[in-house]
Amino acid sequence: MIEITPENDITITVTDARNYFKGCIPGWRSFADAHGFNWKEVTRHGLKASQLVGTKDAMAISLVEHVYRSR
């Protein structure tokens, strides 16, 4: 797992998620709602990596790790 600090807490966008999940973002809106994220804000601005990791969701953590490796 990548250590996230305030200095490297990148924003994960919907585009990042689409690229990782090959175009389909299974349950992304339900995920956002379940964790109290505003869906419109997520689609416009993304989420910080720390927010996704904080959910402790395996797919979210996997997405974060992928984005860190690819940037």
Protein backbone atom coordinates (compact mmCIF):
# COMPACT_ATOMS: atom_id res chain seq x y z
CA MET A 1 0.00 0.00 0.00
CA ILE A 2 1.15 3.47 -0.83
CA GLU A 3 1.64 5.82 2.10
CA ILE A 4 -0.50 8.89 1.57
CA THR A 5 0.68 12.15 3.10
CA PRO A 6 -0.75 15.65 2.74
CA GLU A 7 2.00 16.36 0.20
CA ASN A 8 1.13 13.43 -2.10
CA ASP A 9 -2.65 13.16 -1.56
CA ILE A 10 -3.65 13.23 -5.23
CA THR A 11 -7.14 13.63 -6.63
CA ILE A 12 -8.66 10.53 -8.19
CA THR A 13 -11.13 11.48 -10.92
CA VAL A 14 -14.02 9.68 -12.56
CA THR A 15 -11.80 9.48 -15.65
CA ASP A 16 -9.17 7.64 -13.59
CA ALA A 17 -11.84 5.20 -12.44
CA ARG A 18 -13.15 4.68 -15.98
CA ASN A 19 -9.65 3.99 -17.24
CA TYR A 20 -8.98 1.52 -14.44
CA PHE A 21 -12.29 -0.29 -14.77
CA LYS A 22 -12.08 -0.31 -18.60
CA GLY A 23 -14.92 2.15 -19.18
CA CYS A 24 -17.41 0.80 -16.69
CA ILE A 25 -17.49 2.03 -13.13
CA PRO A 26 -19.47 -0.67 -11.36
CA GLY A 27 -21.45 0.76 -8.49
CA TRP A 28 -19.47 4.02 -8.39
CA ARG A 29 -22.51 6.18 -7.63
CA SER A 30 -23.77 3.72 -5.01
CA PHE A 31 -20.29 3.68 -3.50
CA ALA A 32 -20.24 7.48 -3.31
CA ASP A 33 -23.68 7.60 -1.72
CA ALA A 34 -22.87 4.83 0.78
CA HIS A 35 -19.79 6.71 1.98
CA GLY A 36 -21.44 10.12 2.18
CA PHE A 37 -19.74 11.64 -0.86
CA ASN A 38 -21.72 14.11 -2.95
CA TRP A 39 -22.10 12.47 -6.37
CA LYS A 40 -22.09 15.76 -8.31
CA GLU A 41 -18.91 16.87 -6.53
CA VAL A 42 -17.30 13.49 -7.22
CA THR A 43 -18.05 13.73 -10.94
CA ARG A 44 -16.85 17.34 -11.13
CA HIS A 45 -13.82 17.28 -8.85
CA GLY A 46 -12.98 13.67 -7.95
CA LEU A 47 -11.95 12.46 -4.52
CA LYS A 48 -8.67 12.64 -2.67
CA ALA A 49 -6.79 9.36 -2.49
CA SER A 50 -6.99 9.54 1.30
CA GLN A 51 -10.79 9.72 1.13
CA LEU A 52 -10.94 6.57 -1.00
CA VAL A 53 -8.44 4.68 1.15
CA GLY A 54 -10.34 5.81 4.24
CA THR A 55 -13.38 3.84 3.10
CA LYS A 56 -11.34 0.63 3.48
CA ASP A 57 -13.01 -0.64 0.30
CA ALA A 58 -10.75 -3.09 -1.55
CA MET A 59 -11.70 -1.85 -5.03
CA ALA A 60 -11.20 1.79 -4.02
CA ILE A 61 -7.78 1.00 -2.58
CA SER A 62 -6.88 -0.93 -5.72
CA LEU A 63 -7.90 2.08 -7.84
CA VAL A 64 -5.75 4.42 -5.74
CA GLU A 65 -2.73 2.12 -6.04
CA HIS A 66 -3.20 1.91 -9.81
CA VAL A 67 -3.41 5.70 -10.21
CA TYR A 68 -0.30 6.25 -8.07
CA ARG A 69 1.64 3.72 -10.18
CA SER A 70 0.46 5.21 -13.47
CA ARG A 71 1.26 8.87 -12.72
